[in-house]
C-alpha atoms as a PDB file:
ATOM      1  CA  MET A   1    -147.889   2.473   1.796  1.00  0.00           C
ATOM      2  CA  THR A   2    -147.994   2.346  -1.979  1.00  0.00           C
ATOM      3  CA  LEU A   3    -148.194   6.135  -2.328  1.00  0.00           C
ATOM      4  CA  SER A   4    -145.072   8.257  -1.892  1.00  0.00           C
ATOM      5  CA  LEU A   5    -146.667  11.048   0.046  1.00  0.00           C
ATOM      6  CA  ASP A   6    -145.835  13.224   3.033  1.00  0.00           C
ATOM      7  CA  LEU A   7    -148.438  13.803   5.806  1.00  0.00           C
ATOM      8  CA  GLN A   8    -150.078  16.721   4.006  1.00  0.00           C
ATOM      9  CA  GLY A   9    -150.285  14.675   0.861  1.00  0.00           C
ATOM     10  CA  ILE A  10    -151.812  11.749   2.699  1.00  0.00           C
ATOM     11  CA  ALA A  11    -154.441  14.003   4.331  1.00  0.00           C
ATOM     12  CA  GLU A  12    -155.311  15.452   0.890  1.00  0.00           C
ATOM     13  CA  HIS A  13    -155.473  12.005  -0.665  1.00  0.00           C
ATOM     14  CA  LEU A  14    -157.899  10.875   2.053  1.00  0.00           C
ATOM     15  CA  GLY A  15    -159.972  14.018   1.855  1.00  0.00           C
ATOM     16  CA  ILE A  16    -159.061  15.020   5.388  1.00  0.00           C
ATOM     17  CA  HIS A  17    -158.642  18.703   6.150  1.00  0.00           C
ATOM     18  CA  PRO A  18    -157.091  19.103   9.606  1.00  0.00           C
ATOM     19  CA  SER A  19    -156.226  22.543  10.950  1.00  0.00           C
ATOM     20  CA  GLN A  20    -152.714  23.860  10.496  1.00  0.00           C
ATOM     21  CA  SER A  21    -152.035  23.575  14.239  1.00  0.00           C
ATOM     22  CA  CYS A  22    -153.152  19.932  14.139  1.00  0.00           C
ATOM     23  CA  MET A  23    -150.827  19.225  11.217  1.00  0.00           C
ATOM     24  CA  ASP A  24    -148.013  20.953  13.002  1.00  0.00           C
ATOM     25  CA  GLU A  25    -148.525  18.837  16.076  1.00  0.00           C
ATOM     26  CA  ILE A  26    -148.642  15.608  13.988  1.00  0.00           C
ATOM     27  CA  GLU A  27    -145.463  16.647  12.107  1.00  0.00           C
ATOM     28  CA  THR A  28    -143.651  17.382  15.350  1.00  0.00           C
ATOM     29  CA  ALA A  29    -144.629  13.990  16.820  1.00  0.00           C
ATOM     30  CA  LEU A  30    -143.620  12.241  13.559  1.00  0.00           C
ATOM     31  CA  HIS A  31    -140.221  13.935  13.512  1.00  0.00           C
ATOM     32  CA  ALA A  32    -139.606  12.949  17.157  1.00  0.00           C
ATOM     33  CA  GLU A  33    -140.467   9.356  16.335  1.00  0.00           C
ATOM     34  CA  ILE A  34    -138.250   9.314  13.220  1.00  0.00           C
ATOM     35  CA  ASP A  35    -135.346  10.794  15.259  1.00  0.00           C
ATOM     36  CA  SER A  36    -135.707   7.969  17.768  1.00  0.00           C
ATOM     37  CA  ILE A  37    -135.436   5.181  15.161  1.00  0.00           C
ATOM     38  CA  GLY A  38    -132.311   3.048  15.254  1.00  0.00           C
ATOM     39  CA  ALA A  39    -130.911   0.158  13.344  1.00  0.00           C
ATOM     40  CA  TYR A  40    -129.991  -3.161  14.890  1.00  0.00           C
ATOM     41  CA  SER A  41    -126.258  -3.097  15.456  1.00  0.00           C
ATOM     42  CA  ASP A  42    -125.767  -6.317  13.536  1.00  0.00           C
ATOM     43  CA  ALA A  43    -127.461  -4.800  10.479  1.00  0.00           C
ATOM     44  CA  ILE A  44    -124.885  -2.029  10.321  1.00  0.00           C
ATOM     45  CA  LYS A  45    -122.016  -4.451  10.888  1.00  0.00           C
ATOM     46  CA  VAL A  46    -123.217  -6.931   8.232  1.00  0.00           C
ATOM     47  CA  THR A  47    -123.856  -4.152   5.709  1.00  0.00           C
ATOM     48  CA  VAL A  48    -120.405  -2.733   6.133  1.00  0.00           C
ATOM     49  CA  MET A  49    -118.788  -6.169   6.108  1.00  0.00           C
ATOM     50  CA  LEU A  50    -120.539  -7.169   2.850  1.00  0.00           C
ATOM     51  CA  GLN A  51    -119.658  -3.839   1.178  1.00  0.00           C
ATOM     52  CA  GLU A  52    -116.016  -4.300   2.139  1.00  0.00           C
ATOM     53  CA  ARG A  53    -116.128  -7.619   0.312  1.00  0.00           C
ATOM     54  CA  GLY A  54    -117.572  -5.997  -2.792  1.00  0.00           C
ATOM     55  CA  VAL A  55    -121.154  -7.087  -2.321  1.00  0.00           C
ATOM     56  CA  VAL A  56    -123.770  -4.579  -3.484  1.00  0.00           C
ATOM     57  CA  VAL A  57    -126.228  -4.167  -0.642  1.00  0.00           C
ATOM     58  CA  GLY A  58    -129.859  -3.058  -0.918  1.00  0.00           C
ATOM     59  CA  ILE A  59    -131.964  -2.019   2.052  1.00  0.00           C
ATOM     60  CA  CYS A  60    -135.678  -2.514   1.760  1.00  0.00           C
ATOM     61  CA  SER A  61    -138.196  -1.134   4.165  1.00  0.00           C
ATOM     62  CA  ASN A  62    -141.952  -1.251   4.331  1.00  0.00           C
ATOM     63  CA  LEU A  63    -142.061   2.018   6.250  1.00  0.00           C
ATOM     64  CA  VAL A  64    -143.901   4.972   4.732  1.00  0.00           C
ATOM     65  CA  LYS A  65    -142.045   7.863   2.998  1.00  0.00           C
ATOM     66  CA  PRO A  66    -141.298  10.108   6.009  1.00  0.00           C
ATOM     67  CA  TYR A  67    -139.395   7.266   7.598  1.00  0.00           C
ATOM     68  CA  GLY A  68    -136.975   7.029   4.655  1.00  0.00           C
ATOM     69  CA  ALA A  69    -134.974   9.852   6.221  1.00  0.00           C
ATOM     70  CA  ALA A  70    -134.149   7.541   9.184  1.00  0.00           C
ATOM     71  CA  VAL A  71    -132.925   4.791   6.875  1.00  0.00           C
ATOM     72  CA  LYS A  72    -130.751   7.272   5.019  1.00  0.00           C
ATOM     73  CA  ARG A  73    -129.351   8.660   8.251  1.00  0.00           C
ATOM     74  CA  LEU A  74    -128.574   5.264   9.780  1.00  0.00           C
ATOM     75  CA  PHE A  75    -126.988   3.562   6.775  1.00  0.00           C
ATOM     76  CA  THR A  76    -125.253   6.332   4.873  1.00  0.00           C
ATOM     77  CA  ARG A  77    -123.442   7.504   7.944  1.00  0.00           C
ATOM     78  CA  ARG A  78    -121.869   4.156   8.710  1.00  0.00           C
ATOM     79  CA  SER A  79    -121.088   2.693   5.313  1.00  0.00           C
ATOM     80  CA  GLN A  80    -119.689   3.999   2.068  1.00  0.00           C
ATOM     81  CA  GLY A  81    -121.302   4.017  -1.297  1.00  0.00           C
ATOM     82  CA  VAL A  82    -124.837   3.652  -0.143  1.00  0.00           C
ATOM     83  CA  THR A  83    -127.525   4.942  -2.458  1.00  0.00           C
ATOM     84  CA  ILE A  84    -131.062   5.166  -1.092  1.00  0.00           C
ATOM     85  CA  LYS A  85    -133.695   5.178  -3.820  1.00  0.00           C
ATOM     86  CA  ASP A  86    -137.366   5.991  -3.172  1.00  0.00           C
ATOM     87  CA  MET A  87    -139.298   3.362  -5.103  1.00  0.00           C
ATOM     88  CA  GLY A  88    -142.570   5.227  -4.345  1.00  0.00           C
END
């Protein structure tokens, strides 16, 4: 989780050479899982409440790079002024 890589990059880094059909299947499964991710309702409420009071909020996650899209989707849609930075 210390490398900022997509699935293809991870495979290359590990020296794994799956077929394109295998990579496509894994990518499809990954996107379905990412689409199913949700935030706890209290996390959204607290984030918005703090921002309304002028508190700068940071969201940290130990999920790997592809999951960052879910964090962006969940928190930028419900609160204003959120900047998501990939610390990769």
